[in-house]
């Protein structure tokens, strides 16, 4: 079976190495396109739904970064068949941009690149094709305009619940002026409506919020943590109702805050 490759790499040495490798191995690969900057790739993707099995992207590209293109490909829902993504960088820190994706279908490789390892990763990604989340479902998870996310639908059904969560957060001094307030509110709502689905795992819930807003989960977690830290418990009327005495004298972690508030809300709406 021939694997169709879309290559977008700016590093000249790496670009030449990969194009030569794929061109020499035509029984294994068909190089659908090979580009050197993000703008050309974006234009190509906008003009047609390229029939690509695996996209190989350099994390940092001229005009539009490979990171942004990778996330657009993964979450857009444009592709009927789930394309794999290999992101290449000389810096380990860029792997955070893939952590909310299905690792069966993505890979992060550090330079210098071993061509044998590239082959192995392409084989692994192709073998895992049928284990991945279909693109049309990813689209729902992200909550793009055409189809809202599963928890956005639940929010529309439980308007009063969202108002209750908003009132509780406002009572703790957490209002819309804080960047992390909307992420914190949505994390609580997911825990209320979908907590069981994710085994009440904080990381899983944060990833769902990150998917919806198309942001790195690390960034979402950081903003939620900062927002919880500014909560004013002493002046809150909900403090004694929601939090037991064991919490009264210690600083709450985001996990403790989200799960405790969501448990209170869950009991209130039943």
C-alpha atoms as a PDB file:
ATOM      1  CA  UNK A   1       0.000   0.000   0.000  1.00  0.00           C
ATOM      2  CA  UNK A   2       1.403   3.389  -1.031  1.00  0.00           C
ATOM      3  CA  UNK A   3       1.316   6.126   1.601  1.00  0.00           C
ATOM      4  CA  UNK A   4       0.494   9.615   0.315  1.00  0.00           C
ATOM      5  CA  UNK A   5       2.736  12.240   1.926  1.00  0.00           C
ATOM      6  CA  UNK A   6       2.264  16.001   2.277  1.00  0.00           C
ATOM      7  CA  UNK A   7       5.595  17.641   3.160  1.00  0.00           C
ATOM      8  CA  UNK A   8       6.022  21.206   4.476  1.00  0.00           C
ATOM      9  CA  UNK A   9       9.581  21.837   5.695  1.00  0.00           C
ATOM     10  CA  UNK A  10      11.646  25.030   5.563  1.00  0.00           C
ATOM     11  CA  UNK A  11      14.994  23.592   6.711  1.00  0.00           C
ATOM     12  CA  UNK A  12      16.821  23.154   3.368  1.00  0.00           C
ATOM     13  CA  UNK A  13      18.962  20.202   4.470  1.00  0.00           C
ATOM     14  CA  UNK A  14      15.965  18.370   5.936  1.00  0.00           C
ATOM     15  CA  UNK A  15      13.760  19.289   2.962  1.00  0.00           C
ATOM     16  CA  UNK A  16      16.269  17.822   0.481  1.00  0.00           C
ATOM     17  CA  UNK A  17      16.818  14.741   2.622  1.00  0.00           C
ATOM     18  CA  UNK A  18      13.094  13.969   2.921  1.00  0.00           C
ATOM     19  CA  UNK A  19      12.155  14.724  -0.694  1.00  0.00           C
ATOM     20  CA  UNK A  20      15.006  12.492  -1.902  1.00  0.00           C
ATOM     21  CA  UNK A  21      14.018   9.739   0.499  1.00  0.00           C
ATOM     22  CA  UNK A  22      10.356   9.704  -0.539  1.00  0.00           C
ATOM     23  CA  UNK A  23      11.176  10.058  -4.258  1.00  0.00           C
ATOM     24  CA  UNK A  24      13.563   7.075  -4.131  1.00  0.00           C
ATOM     25  CA  UNK A  25      10.997   4.886  -2.386  1.00  0.00           C
ATOM     26  CA  UNK A  26       8.097   5.196  -4.823  1.00  0.00           C
ATOM     27  CA  UNK A  27       6.831   1.707  -4.004  1.00  0.00           C
ATOM     28  CA  UNK A  28       6.142   2.932  -0.470  1.00  0.00           C
ATOM     29  CA  UNK A  29       5.414   6.638  -0.862  1.00  0.00           C
ATOM     30  CA  UNK A  30       3.719   9.119  -3.152  1.00  0.00           C
ATOM     31  CA  UNK A  31       4.829  12.682  -2.451  1.00  0.00           C
ATOM     32  CA  UNK A  32       1.566  14.584  -3.049  1.00  0.00           C
ATOM     33  CA  UNK A  33       3.156  17.988  -2.452  1.00  0.00           C
ATOM     34  CA  UNK A  34       6.352  19.401  -0.984  1.00  0.00           C
ATOM     35  CA  UNK A  35       6.386  23.020   0.158  1.00  0.00           C
ATOM     36  CA  UNK A  36       8.696  25.268   2.190  1.00  0.00           C
ATOM     37  CA  UNK A  37       6.397  27.720   3.960  1.00  0.00           C
ATOM     38  CA  UNK A  38       3.116  27.781   5.820  1.00  0.00           C
ATOM     39  CA  UNK A  39       1.348  30.205   3.503  1.00  0.00           C
ATOM     40  CA  UNK A  40       1.826  27.975   0.460  1.00  0.00           C
ATOM     41  CA  UNK A  41       0.536  25.018   2.463  1.00  0.00           C
ATOM     42  CA  UNK A  42      -2.490  26.960   3.678  1.00  0.00           C
ATOM     43  CA  UNK A  43      -3.298  28.082   0.141  1.00  0.00           C
ATOM     44  CA  UNK A  44      -2.968  24.535  -1.147  1.00  0.00           C
ATOM     45  CA  UNK A  45      -5.250  23.176   1.579  1.00  0.00           C
ATOM     46  CA  UNK A  46      -7.833  25.905   0.938  1.00  0.00           C
ATOM     47  CA  UNK A  47      -7.976  25.169  -2.793  1.00  0.00           C
ATOM     48  CA  UNK A  48      -8.577  21.443  -2.450  1.00  0.00           C
ATOM     49  CA  UNK A  49      -9.002  18.654   0.060  1.00  0.00           C
ATOM     50  CA  UNK A  50      -5.620  17.112  -0.587  1.00  0.00           C
ATOM     51  CA  UNK A  51      -5.761  13.344  -0.499  1.00  0.00           C
ATOM     52  CA  UNK A  52      -2.928  12.906   2.009  1.00  0.00           C
ATOM     53  CA  UNK A  53      -2.363  10.022   4.431  1.00  0.00           C
ATOM     54  CA  UNK A  54       0.378  11.666   6.504  1.00  0.00           C
ATOM     55  CA  UNK A  55       1.347  15.343   6.801  1.00  0.00           C
ATOM     56  CA  UNK A  56       4.977  16.011   7.759  1.00  0.00           C
ATOM     57  CA  UNK A  57       5.335  19.556   9.066  1.00  0.00           C
ATOM     58  CA  UNK A  58       8.138  21.584  10.555  1.00  0.00           C
ATOM     59  CA  UNK A  59       6.887  23.263  13.746  1.00  0.00           C
ATOM     60  CA  UNK A  60       8.210  26.716  12.825  1.00  0.00           C
ATOM     61  CA  UNK A  61       7.641  27.869   9.244  1.00  0.00           C
ATOM     62  CA  UNK A  62       7.677  31.228   7.434  1.00  0.00           C
ATOM     63  CA  UNK A  63       4.359  33.142   7.420  1.00  0.00           C
ATOM     64  CA  UNK A  64       2.227  30.463   9.140  1.00  0.00           C
ATOM     65  CA  UNK A  65       3.704  28.019  11.647  1.00  0.00           C
ATOM     66  CA  UNK A  66       3.453  24.292  11.117  1.00  0.00           C
ATOM     67  CA  UNK A  67       1.937  24.007  14.598  1.00  0.00           C
ATOM     68  CA  UNK A  68      -1.086  26.063  13.535  1.00  0.00           C
ATOM     69  CA  UNK A  69      -1.452  24.099  10.301  1.00  0.00           C
ATOM     70  CA  UNK A  70      -1.228  20.780  12.174  1.00  0.00           C
ATOM     71  CA  UNK A  71      -3.986  21.774  14.583  1.00  0.00           C
ATOM     72  CA  UNK A  72      -6.145  23.079  11.741  1.00  0.00           C
ATOM     73  CA  UNK A  73      -5.756  19.813   9.841  1.00  0.00           C
ATOM     74  CA  UNK A  74      -6.492  17.720  12.913  1.00  0.00           C
ATOM     75  CA  UNK A  75      -9.502  19.614  14.246  1.00  0.00           C
ATOM     76  CA  UNK A  76     -11.051  21.061  11.090  1.00  0.00           C
ATOM     77  CA  UNK A  77     -13.060  18.002  10.081  1.00  0.00           C
ATOM     78  CA  UNK A  78     -12.274  18.682   6.393  1.00  0.00           C
ATOM     79  CA  UNK A  79     -10.804  15.260   5.812  1.00  0.00           C
ATOM     80  CA  UNK A  80     -13.051  12.217   5.491  1.00  0.00           C
ATOM     81  CA  UNK A  81     -10.168   9.905   6.290  1.00  0.00           C
ATOM     82  CA  UNK A  82      -8.142  10.748   9.379  1.00  0.00           C
ATOM     83  CA  UNK A  83      -4.745  12.040   8.198  1.00  0.00           C
ATOM     84  CA  UNK A  84      -1.700  11.407  10.350  1.00  0.00           C
ATOM     85  CA  UNK A  85       0.578  14.248  11.428  1.00  0.00           C
ATOM     86  CA  UNK A  86       4.318  14.230  12.082  1.00  0.00           C
ATOM     87  CA  UNK A  87       5.600  17.465  13.628  1.00  0.00           C
ATOM     88  CA  UNK A  88       9.353  18.137  13.458  1.00  0.00           C
ATOM     89  CA  UNK A  89      11.326  20.610  15.569  1.00  0.00           C
ATOM     90  CA  UNK A  90      14.726  21.184  17.141  1.00  0.00           C
ATOM     91  CA  UNK A  91      12.980  22.176  20.406  1.00  0.00           C
ATOM     92  CA  UNK A  92      11.218  19.670  22.679  1.00  0.00           C
ATOM     93  CA  UNK A  93       8.795  22.336  23.997  1.00  0.00           C
ATOM     94  CA  UNK A  94       6.670  22.189  20.837  1.00  0.00           C
ATOM     95  CA  UNK A  95       5.365  18.707  21.685  1.00  0.00           C
ATOM     96  CA  UNK A  96       2.807  20.351  24.016  1.00  0.00           C
ATOM     97  CA  UNK A  97       0.804  21.394  20.940  1.00  0.00           C
ATOM     98  CA  UNK A  98       0.065  17.724  20.175  1.00  0.00           C
ATOM     99  CA  UNK A  99      -0.857  16.524  23.656  1.00  0.00           C
ATOM    100  CA  UNK A 100      -4.613  16.984  23.182  1.00  0.00           C
ATOM    101  CA  UNK A 101      -4.567  14.930  19.979  1.00  0.00           C
ATOM    102  CA  UNK A 102      -4.898  11.174  19.523  1.00  0.00           C
ATOM    103  CA  UNK A 103      -1.309   9.916  19.835  1.00  0.00           C
ATOM    104  CA  UNK A 104      -2.161   6.948  17.611  1.00  0.00           C
ATOM    105  CA  UNK A 105      -2.240   9.370  14.693  1.00  0.00           C
ATOM    106  CA  UNK A 106       0.383  11.991  15.512  1.00  0.00           C
ATOM    107  CA  UNK A 107       4.106  12.003  16.202  1.00  0.00           C
ATOM    108  CA  UNK A 108       6.669  14.544  17.401  1.00  0.00           C
ATOM    109  CA  UNK A 109      10.257  14.166  16.187  1.00  0.00           C
ATOM    110  CA  UNK A 110      13.342  16.094  17.244  1.00  0.00           C
ATOM    111  CA  UNK A 111      16.065  17.084  14.816  1.00  0.00           C
ATOM    112  CA  UNK A 112      18.332  15.630  13.549  1.00  0.00           C
ATOM    113  CA  UNK A 113      15.905  13.241  11.854  1.00  0.00           C
ATOM    114  CA  UNK A 114      16.645   9.565  11.330  1.00  0.00           C
ATOM    115  CA  UNK A 115      15.003   8.529   8.033  1.00  0.00           C
ATOM    116  CA  UNK A 116      14.551   4.952   9.261  1.00  0.00           C
ATOM    117  CA  UNK A 117      12.643   6.269  12.250  1.00  0.00           C
ATOM    118  CA  UNK A 118      10.453   8.429   9.990  1.00  0.00           C
ATOM    119  CA  UNK A 119       9.564   5.242   8.080  1.00  0.00           C
ATOM    120  CA  UNK A 120       8.663   3.450  11.325  1.00  0.00           C
ATOM    121  CA  UNK A 121       6.481   6.324  12.515  1.00  0.00           C
ATOM    122  CA  UNK A 122       4.616   6.482   9.205  1.00  0.00           C
ATOM    123  CA  UNK A 123       3.943   2.737   9.431  1.00  0.00           C
ATOM    124  CA  UNK A 124       2.769   3.085  13.053  1.00  0.00           C
ATOM    125  CA  UNK A 125       0.438   5.968  12.200  1.00  0.00           C
ATOM    126  CA  UNK A 126      -1.028   4.143   9.199  1.00  0.00           C
ATOM    127  CA  UNK A 127      -1.610   0.978  11.223  1.00  0.00           C
ATOM    128  CA  UNK A 128      -3.471   2.974  13.844  1.00  0.00           C
ATOM    129  CA  UNK A 129      -5.728   4.678  11.300  1.00  0.00           C
ATOM    130  CA  UNK A 130      -8.823   2.772  12.403  1.00  0.00           C
ATOM    131  CA  UNK A 131      -8.204   3.473  16.104  1.00  0.00           C
ATOM    132  CA  UNK A 132      -8.415   7.227  15.736  1.00  0.00           C
ATOM    133  CA  UNK A 133     -11.391   9.524  16.328  1.00  0.00           C
ATOM    134  CA  UNK A 134     -13.068  10.255  12.955  1.00  0.00           C
ATOM    135  CA  UNK A 135     -12.601  13.842  11.760  1.00  0.00           C
ATOM    136  CA  UNK A 136     -16.321  14.604  11.836  1.00  0.00           C
ATOM    137  CA  UNK A 137     -16.364  13.676  15.558  1.00  0.00           C
ATOM    138  CA  UNK A 138     -13.280  15.790  16.233  1.00  0.00           C
ATOM    139  CA  UNK A 139     -15.136  18.711  14.680  1.00  0.00           C
ATOM    140  CA  UNK A 140     -17.895  18.285  17.240  1.00  0.00           C
ATOM    141  CA  UNK A 141     -15.389  17.999  20.055  1.00  0.00           C
ATOM    142  CA  UNK A 142     -13.726  21.234  19.040  1.00  0.00           C
ATOM    143  CA  UNK A 143     -17.071  22.972  18.822  1.00  0.00           C
ATOM    144  CA  UNK A 144     -16.529  24.865  15.600  1.00  0.00           C
ATOM    145  CA  UNK A 145     -19.371  27.005  14.309  1.00  0.00           C
ATOM    146  CA  UNK A 146     -20.991  24.412  12.034  1.00  0.00           C
ATOM    147  CA  UNK A 147     -21.457  21.893  14.840  1.00  0.00           C
ATOM    148  CA  UNK A 148     -21.260  22.802  18.478  1.00  0.00           C
ATOM    149  CA  UNK A 149     -19.385  20.570  20.911  1.00  0.00           C
ATOM    150  CA  UNK A 150     -21.133  17.907  22.956  1.00  0.00           C
ATOM    151  CA  UNK A 151     -20.877  19.911  26.154  1.00  0.00           C
ATOM    152  CA  UNK A 152     -21.947  23.131  24.425  1.00  0.00           C
ATOM    153  CA  UNK A 153     -25.149  21.295  23.495  1.00  0.00           C
ATOM    154  CA  UNK A 154     -25.584  20.287  27.122  1.00  0.00           C
ATOM    155  CA  UNK A 155     -24.968  23.870  28.202  1.00  0.00           C
ATOM    156  CA  UNK A 156     -27.835  25.010  25.966  1.00  0.00           C
ATOM    157  CA  UNK A 157     -30.105  22.413  27.549  1.00  0.00           C
ATOM    158  CA  UNK A 158     -29.140  23.353  31.086  1.00  0.00           C
ATOM    159  CA  UNK A 159     -29.123  27.119  30.956  1.00  0.00           C
ATOM    160  CA  UNK A 160     -30.024  27.439  34.615  1.00  0.00           C
ATOM    161  CA  UNK A 161     -27.064  25.236  35.556  1.00  0.00           C
ATOM    162  CA  UNK A 162     -24.648  27.486  33.714  1.00  0.00           C
ATOM    163  CA  UNK A 163     -26.179  30.481  35.507  1.00  0.00           C
ATOM    164  CA  UNK A 164     -25.709  28.739  38.860  1.00  0.00           C
ATOM    165  CA  UNK A 165     -22.022  28.070  38.106  1.00  0.00           C
ATOM    166  CA  UNK A 166     -21.576  31.688  36.974  1.00  0.00           C
ATOM    167  CA  UNK A 167     -23.203  32.957  40.192  1.00  0.00           C
ATOM    168  CA  UNK A 168     -20.949  30.761  42.322  1.00  0.00           C
ATOM    169  CA  UNK A 169     -17.825  31.960  40.539  1.00  0.00           C
ATOM    170  CA  UNK A 170     -18.937  35.590  40.794  1.00  0.00           C
ATOM    171  CA  UNK A 171     -19.522  35.072  44.505  1.00  0.00           C
ATOM    172  CA  UNK A 172     -15.910  33.941  44.836  1.00  0.00           C
ATOM    173  CA  UNK A 173     -14.779  37.071  43.007  1.00  0.00           C
ATOM    174  CA  UNK A 174     -14.144  35.222  39.740  1.00  0.00           C
ATOM    175  CA  UNK A 175     -15.778  37.188  36.941  1.00  0.00           C
ATOM    176  CA  UNK A 176     -15.333  37.647  33.195  1.00  0.00           C
ATOM    177  CA  UNK A 177     -12.443  40.083  33.544  1.00  0.00           C
ATOM    178  CA  UNK A 178     -10.197  37.117  34.394  1.00  0.00           C
ATOM    179  CA  UNK A 179      -9.018  35.247  31.289  1.00  0.00           C
ATOM    180  CA  UNK A 180      -9.339  31.850  32.919  1.00  0.00           C
ATOM    181  CA  UNK A 181     -12.916  32.315  34.181  1.00  0.00           C
ATOM    182  CA  UNK A 182     -14.616  30.900  31.075  1.00  0.00           C
ATOM    183  CA  UNK A 183     -12.277  27.893  31.043  1.00  0.00           C
ATOM    184  CA  UNK A 184     -12.899  27.278  34.737  1.00  0.00           C
ATOM    185  CA  UNK A 185     -16.666  27.519  34.243  1.00  0.00           C
ATOM    186  CA  UNK A 186     -16.597  25.089  31.316  1.00  0.00           C
ATOM    187  CA  UNK A 187     -14.391  22.651  33.238  1.00  0.00           C
ATOM    188  CA  UNK A 188     -16.968  22.654  36.044  1.00  0.00           C
ATOM    189  CA  UNK A 189     -19.825  22.125  33.562  1.00  0.00           C
ATOM    190  CA  UNK A 190     -18.026  19.235  31.880  1.00  0.00           C
ATOM    191  CA  UNK A 191     -17.438  17.683  35.302  1.00  0.00           C
ATOM    192  CA  UNK A 192     -21.149  18.110  36.133  1.00  0.00           C
ATOM    193  CA  UNK A 193     -22.515  16.645  32.894  1.00  0.00           C
ATOM    194  CA  UNK A 194     -19.694  14.456  31.579  1.00  0.00           C
ATOM    195  CA  UNK A 195     -17.471  13.745  34.585  1.00  0.00           C
ATOM    196  CA  UNK A 196     -18.320  10.058  34.671  1.00  0.00           C
ATOM    197  CA  UNK A 197     -17.466   9.705  30.992  1.00  0.00           C
ATOM    198  CA  UNK A 198     -13.914  10.862  31.760  1.00  0.00           C
ATOM    199  CA  UNK A 199     -13.607   8.984  35.091  1.00  0.00           C
ATOM    200  CA  UNK A 200     -13.454  12.388  36.770  1.00  0.00           C
ATOM    201  CA  UNK A 201      -9.850  12.789  35.606  1.00  0.00           C
ATOM    202  CA  UNK A 202      -8.727  16.421  35.727  1.00  0.00           C
ATOM    203  CA  UNK A 203      -6.386  16.054  32.744  1.00  0.00           C
ATOM    204  CA  UNK A 204      -9.136  14.558  30.563  1.00  0.00           C
ATOM    205  CA  UNK A 205     -11.531  17.384  31.411  1.00  0.00           C
ATOM    206  CA  UNK A 206      -8.889  20.040  30.715  1.00  0.00           C
ATOM    207  CA  UNK A 207      -8.186  18.419  27.337  1.00  0.00           C
ATOM    208  CA  UNK A 208     -11.875  18.679  26.395  1.00  0.00           C
ATOM    209  CA  UNK A 209     -11.827  22.415  27.193  1.00  0.00           C
ATOM    210  CA  UNK A 210      -8.608  22.777  25.179  1.00  0.00           C
ATOM    211  CA  UNK A 211     -10.159  20.988  22.202  1.00  0.00           C
ATOM    212  CA  UNK A 212     -13.157  23.301  22.243  1.00  0.00           C
ATOM    213  CA  UNK A 213     -11.072  26.487  22.322  1.00  0.00           C
ATOM    214  CA  UNK A 214      -8.294  24.995  20.156  1.00  0.00           C
ATOM    215  CA  UNK A 215      -5.627  25.948  22.689  1.00  0.00           C
ATOM    216  CA  UNK A 216      -2.826  23.917  24.298  1.00  0.00           C
ATOM    217  CA  UNK A 217      -4.078  22.101  27.378  1.00  0.00           C
ATOM    218  CA  UNK A 218      -1.050  23.351  29.340  1.00  0.00           C
ATOM    219  CA  UNK A 219      -2.117  26.932  28.683  1.00  0.00           C
ATOM    220  CA  UNK A 220      -5.718  26.180  29.726  1.00  0.00           C
ATOM    221  CA  UNK A 221      -4.552  24.519  32.953  1.00  0.00           C
ATOM    222  CA  UNK A 222      -2.247  27.440  33.758  1.00  0.00           C
ATOM    223  CA  UNK A 223      -5.042  30.017  33.297  1.00  0.00           C
ATOM    224  CA  UNK A 224      -7.469  27.951  35.398  1.00  0.00           C
ATOM    225  CA  UNK A 225      -4.853  27.657  38.175  1.00  0.00           C
ATOM    226  CA  UNK A 226      -4.242  31.419  38.191  1.00  0.00           C
ATOM    227  CA  UNK A 227      -7.995  32.053  38.294  1.00  0.00           C
ATOM    228  CA  UNK A 228      -8.578  29.683  41.229  1.00  0.00           C
ATOM    229  CA  UNK A 229      -5.733  31.398  43.089  1.00  0.00           C
ATOM    230  CA  UNK A 230      -7.545  34.742  43.044  1.00  0.00           C
ATOM    231  CA  UNK A 231     -10.782  33.314  44.507  1.00  0.00           C
ATOM    232  CA  UNK A 232     -11.984  35.240  47.585  1.00  0.00           C
ATOM    233  CA  UNK A 233     -13.254  32.575  49.943  1.00  0.00           C
ATOM    234  CA  UNK A 234     -13.586  34.686  53.096  1.00  0.00           C
ATOM    235  CA  UNK A 235     -16.351  36.906  51.715  1.00  0.00           C
ATOM    236  CA  UNK A 236     -18.242  34.143  49.886  1.00  0.00           C
ATOM    237  CA  UNK A 237     -21.692  33.028  50.987  1.00  0.00           C
ATOM    238  CA  UNK A 238     -21.099  29.703  49.216  1.00  0.00           C
ATOM    239  CA  UNK A 239     -17.908  28.881  51.127  1.00  0.00           C
ATOM    240  CA  UNK A 240     -19.537  27.076  54.050  1.00  0.00           C
ATOM    241  CA  UNK A 241     -22.201  25.466  51.835  1.00  0.00           C
ATOM    242  CA  UNK A 242     -19.811  24.002  49.274  1.00  0.00           C
ATOM    243  CA  UNK A 243     -16.528  23.510  51.071  1.00  0.00           C
ATOM    244  CA  UNK A 244     -16.103  21.477  54.235  1.00  0.00           C
ATOM    245  CA  UNK A 245     -14.036  22.622  57.198  1.00  0.00           C
ATOM    246  CA  UNK A 246     -11.093  20.586  55.912  1.00  0.00           C
ATOM    247  CA  UNK A 247     -10.737  23.073  53.060  1.00  0.00           C
ATOM    248  CA  UNK A 248     -11.235  26.216  55.112  1.00  0.00           C
ATOM    249  CA  UNK A 249      -7.621  26.626  56.203  1.00  0.00           C
ATOM    250  CA  UNK A 250      -5.747  25.537  53.087  1.00  0.00           C
ATOM    251  CA  UNK A 251      -5.190  26.708  49.560  1.00  0.00           C
ATOM    252  CA  UNK A 252      -7.340  24.790  47.087  1.00  0.00           C
ATOM    253  CA  UNK A 253      -5.869  23.176  44.008  1.00  0.00           C
ATOM    254  CA  UNK A 254      -7.753  23.654  40.694  1.00  0.00           C
ATOM    255  CA  UNK A 255      -8.760  19.972  40.853  1.00  0.00           C
ATOM    256  CA  UNK A 256     -10.205  20.313  44.369  1.00  0.00           C
ATOM    257  CA  UNK A 257     -12.049  23.497  43.427  1.00  0.00           C
ATOM    258  CA  UNK A 258     -13.532  22.127  40.169  1.00  0.00           C
ATOM    259  CA  UNK A 259     -14.641  18.759  41.540  1.00  0.00           C
ATOM    260  CA  UNK A 260     -16.017  20.151  44.796  1.00  0.00           C
ATOM    261  CA  UNK A 261     -18.033  22.872  43.062  1.00  0.00           C
ATOM    262  CA  UNK A 262     -19.243  20.459  40.379  1.00  0.00           C
ATOM    263  CA  UNK A 263     -20.416  17.955  42.999  1.00  0.00           C
ATOM    264  CA  UNK A 264     -22.413  20.692  44.723  1.00  0.00           C
ATOM    265  CA  UNK A 265     -23.906  21.808  41.388  1.00  0.00           C
ATOM    266  CA  UNK A 266     -24.706  18.219  40.398  1.00  0.00           C
ATOM    267  CA  UNK A 267     -26.710  17.720  43.604  1.00  0.00           C
ATOM    268  CA  UNK A 268     -28.473  21.062  43.142  1.00  0.00           C
ATOM    269  CA  UNK A 269     -29.690  20.318  39.619  1.00  0.00           C
ATOM    270  CA  UNK A 270     -30.879  16.770  40.283  1.00  0.00           C
END
